[in-house]
Amino acid sequence: MSDATASSPSFATLVQQFFTDYLLTQRAMSPHTVASYRDAMLRLLDFAHERLGKAPTELRLVDLDPDLILAFLDHLEQQRNNTVHSRNLRLSALRAFWKFAARRDVTSRQAIEQALGVPMKRFERPMLGFLTREEIAGCDRRAR
């Protein structure tokens, strides 16, 4: 094992430091935000366990590749009936973790950059129509 690998923190250590040192101590995040981030991480760990057959303590950052992340996000929408907004909030929480991890585990930087490349999903908004001349004229008459 190389010195770089030996000095790299484990995935479990990174998760623990993210919640205890970073979110609570350095960033002083609200308990609601920390709980939201925790829920996103727990759901991802459960999904990764089902998909990869690895316990959370056996996971490495490189295991959380874009394909797994996208499958997880699709799972949230399709099986858990999360809205696009909820999906994006969970992705934001995971991105915060990966940005934190990138500063502490340089050996996984490529995997982290790929994970950070997973895009937010755009909200589907209904198309807005325009008022017809008759509707505009009706508004003018009511305003008088």
Protein backbone atom coordinates (compact mmCIF):
# COMPACT_ATOMS: atom_id res chain seq x y z
CA MET A 1 0.00 0.00 0.00
CA SER A 2 1.38 3.40 -0.94
CA ASP A 3 1.85 6.27 1.48
CA ALA A 4 -0.91 8.27 -0.24
CA THR A 5 -3.40 5.42 0.18
CA ALA A 6 -2.31 4.77 3.76
CA SER A 7 -2.87 8.42 4.69
CA SER A 8 -6.21 8.74 2.90
CA PRO A 9 -9.14 8.83 5.30
CA SER A 10 -11.70 6.07 5.01
CA PHE A 11 -15.16 6.82 3.67
CA ALA A 12 -16.61 6.26 7.16
CA THR A 13 -14.11 8.71 8.66
CA LEU A 14 -14.98 11.32 6.03
CA VAL A 15 -18.70 10.96 6.72
CA GLN A 16 -18.13 11.31 10.46
CA GLN A 17 -15.88 14.37 10.04
CA PHE A 18 -18.35 15.93 7.63
CA PHE A 19 -21.16 15.81 10.17
CA THR A 20 -19.30 16.42 13.42
CA ASP A 21 -16.42 18.71 12.47
CA TYR A 22 -17.59 20.45 9.34
CA LEU A 23 -21.36 20.92 9.50
CA LEU A 24 -21.68 21.40 13.24
CA THR A 25 -18.41 23.00 14.29
CA GLN A 26 -17.06 24.89 11.27
CA ARG A 27 -20.28 25.80 9.47
CA ALA A 28 -22.64 25.92 12.48
CA MET A 29 -25.49 24.58 10.34
CA SER A 30 -28.97 24.46 11.80
CA PRO A 31 -30.18 21.17 13.25
CA HIS A 32 -32.77 20.99 10.45
CA THR A 33 -30.10 21.28 7.76
CA VAL A 34 -27.92 18.68 9.44
CA ALA A 35 -30.92 16.33 9.71
CA SER A 36 -31.71 16.86 6.03
CA TYR A 37 -28.11 16.12 5.04
CA ARG A 38 -28.11 13.07 7.32
CA ASP A 39 -31.29 11.72 5.73
CA ALA A 40 -29.84 12.17 2.23
CA MET A 41 -26.66 10.33 3.22
CA LEU A 42 -28.56 7.51 4.95
CA ARG A 43 -30.78 6.99 1.92
CA LEU A 44 -27.73 6.91 -0.36
CA LEU A 45 -25.95 4.43 1.91
CA ASP A 46 -29.02 2.17 2.00
CA PHE A 47 -29.32 2.36 -1.78
CA ALA A 48 -25.61 1.63 -2.27
CA HIS A 49 -25.87 -1.34 0.10
CA GLU A 50 -28.76 -2.79 -1.91
CA ARG A 51 -27.15 -2.07 -5.27
CA LEU A 52 -23.50 -2.94 -4.51
CA GLY A 53 -23.93 -5.43 -1.68
CA LYS A 54 -21.44 -3.49 0.45
CA ALA A 55 -21.97 -2.36 4.00
CA PRO A 56 -21.47 1.37 4.53
CA THR A 57 -18.23 0.64 6.40
CA GLU A 58 -16.89 -1.13 3.29
CA LEU A 59 -17.71 1.70 0.86
CA ARG A 60 -15.11 3.91 -0.73
CA LEU A 61 -15.67 7.23 -2.46
CA VAL A 62 -14.94 5.64 -5.82
CA ASP A 63 -17.91 3.30 -5.29
CA LEU A 64 -20.25 6.30 -5.47
CA ASP A 65 -19.85 6.87 -9.19
CA PRO A 66 -22.19 8.98 -11.36
CA ASP A 67 -24.13 5.91 -12.54
CA LEU A 68 -24.92 4.91 -8.96
CA ILE A 69 -25.81 8.48 -8.03
CA LEU A 70 -28.15 8.89 -10.99
CA ALA A 71 -29.78 5.54 -10.23
CA PHE A 72 -30.22 6.69 -6.62
CA LEU A 73 -31.81 9.97 -7.72
CA ASP A 74 -34.12 8.14 -10.13
CA HIS A 75 -35.05 5.79 -7.29
CA LEU A 76 -35.99 8.77 -5.13
CA GLU A 77 -38.34 10.08 -7.78
CA GLN A 78 -39.83 6.83 -9.02
CA GLN A 79 -40.01 4.55 -5.97
CA ARG A 80 -40.16 7.11 -3.17
CA ASN A 81 -42.27 9.63 -5.14
CA ASN A 82 -39.95 12.54 -4.34
CA THR A 83 -40.49 15.72 -6.30
CA VAL A 84 -37.75 17.19 -8.46
CA HIS A 85 -37.24 19.79 -5.73
CA SER A 86 -36.67 17.08 -3.06
CA ARG A 87 -34.36 15.19 -5.41
CA ASN A 88 -32.27 18.31 -5.98
CA LEU A 89 -32.11 19.04 -2.24
CA ARG A 90 -30.71 15.57 -1.62
CA LEU A 91 -28.20 16.05 -4.42
CA SER A 92 -27.16 19.39 -2.90
CA ALA A 93 -26.48 17.69 0.42
CA LEU A 94 -24.38 15.02 -1.28
CA ARG A 95 -22.48 17.65 -3.26
CA ALA A 96 -21.62 19.44 -0.01
CA PHE A 97 -20.16 16.17 1.26
CA TRP A 98 -18.13 15.57 -1.91
CA LYS A 99 -16.72 19.11 -1.82
CA PHE A 100 -15.72 18.52 1.79
CA ALA A 101 -14.19 15.14 0.91
CA ALA A 102 -12.22 16.60 -2.01
CA ARG A 103 -10.22 18.72 0.42
CA ARG A 104 -9.37 15.74 2.61
CA ASP A 105 -8.88 12.83 0.22
CA VAL A 106 -6.82 13.89 -2.77
CA THR A 107 -6.43 10.29 -3.92
CA SER A 108 -10.15 10.16 -4.75
CA ARG A 109 -10.25 13.56 -6.43
CA GLN A 110 -11.14 12.19 -9.90
CA ALA A 111 -14.05 10.14 -8.54
CA ILE A 112 -15.24 13.15 -6.54
CA GLU A 113 -15.09 15.43 -9.58
CA GLN A 114 -17.14 12.93 -11.55
CA ALA A 115 -19.70 12.74 -8.74
CA LEU A 116 -19.87 16.54 -8.62
CA GLY A 117 -20.67 16.49 -12.34
CA VAL A 118 -24.09 14.94 -11.76
CA PRO A 119 -26.49 17.70 -12.79
CA MET A 120 -29.45 19.10 -10.97
CA LYS A 121 -32.73 18.27 -12.63
CA ARG A 122 -34.68 21.13 -14.10
CA PHE A 123 -38.18 21.74 -12.87
CA GLU A 124 -40.88 21.21 -15.43
CA ARG A 125 -42.89 24.37 -15.50
CA PRO A 126 -46.14 24.78 -17.40
CA MET A 127 -45.93 26.91 -20.48
CA LEU A 128 -47.32 30.37 -19.99
CA GLY A 129 -49.79 31.58 -22.52
CA PHE A 130 -50.41 35.12 -23.63
CA LEU A 131 -53.57 37.15 -23.31
CA THR A 132 -55.64 37.62 -26.41
CA ARG A 133 -56.75 41.09 -27.46
CA GLU A 134 -60.24 40.32 -26.16
CA GLU A 135 -58.88 39.31 -22.74
CA ILE A 136 -56.80 42.48 -22.55
CA ALA A 137 -59.80 44.59 -23.50
CA GLY A 138 -61.86 42.82 -20.83
CA CYS A 139 -59.22 43.68 -18.22
CA ASP A 140 -59.25 47.33 -19.29
CA ARG A 141 -63.04 47.50 -18.91
CA ARG A 142 -63.00 45.90 -15.45
CA ALA A 143 -60.30 48.27 -14.24
CA ARG A 144 -62.46 51.32 -14.93
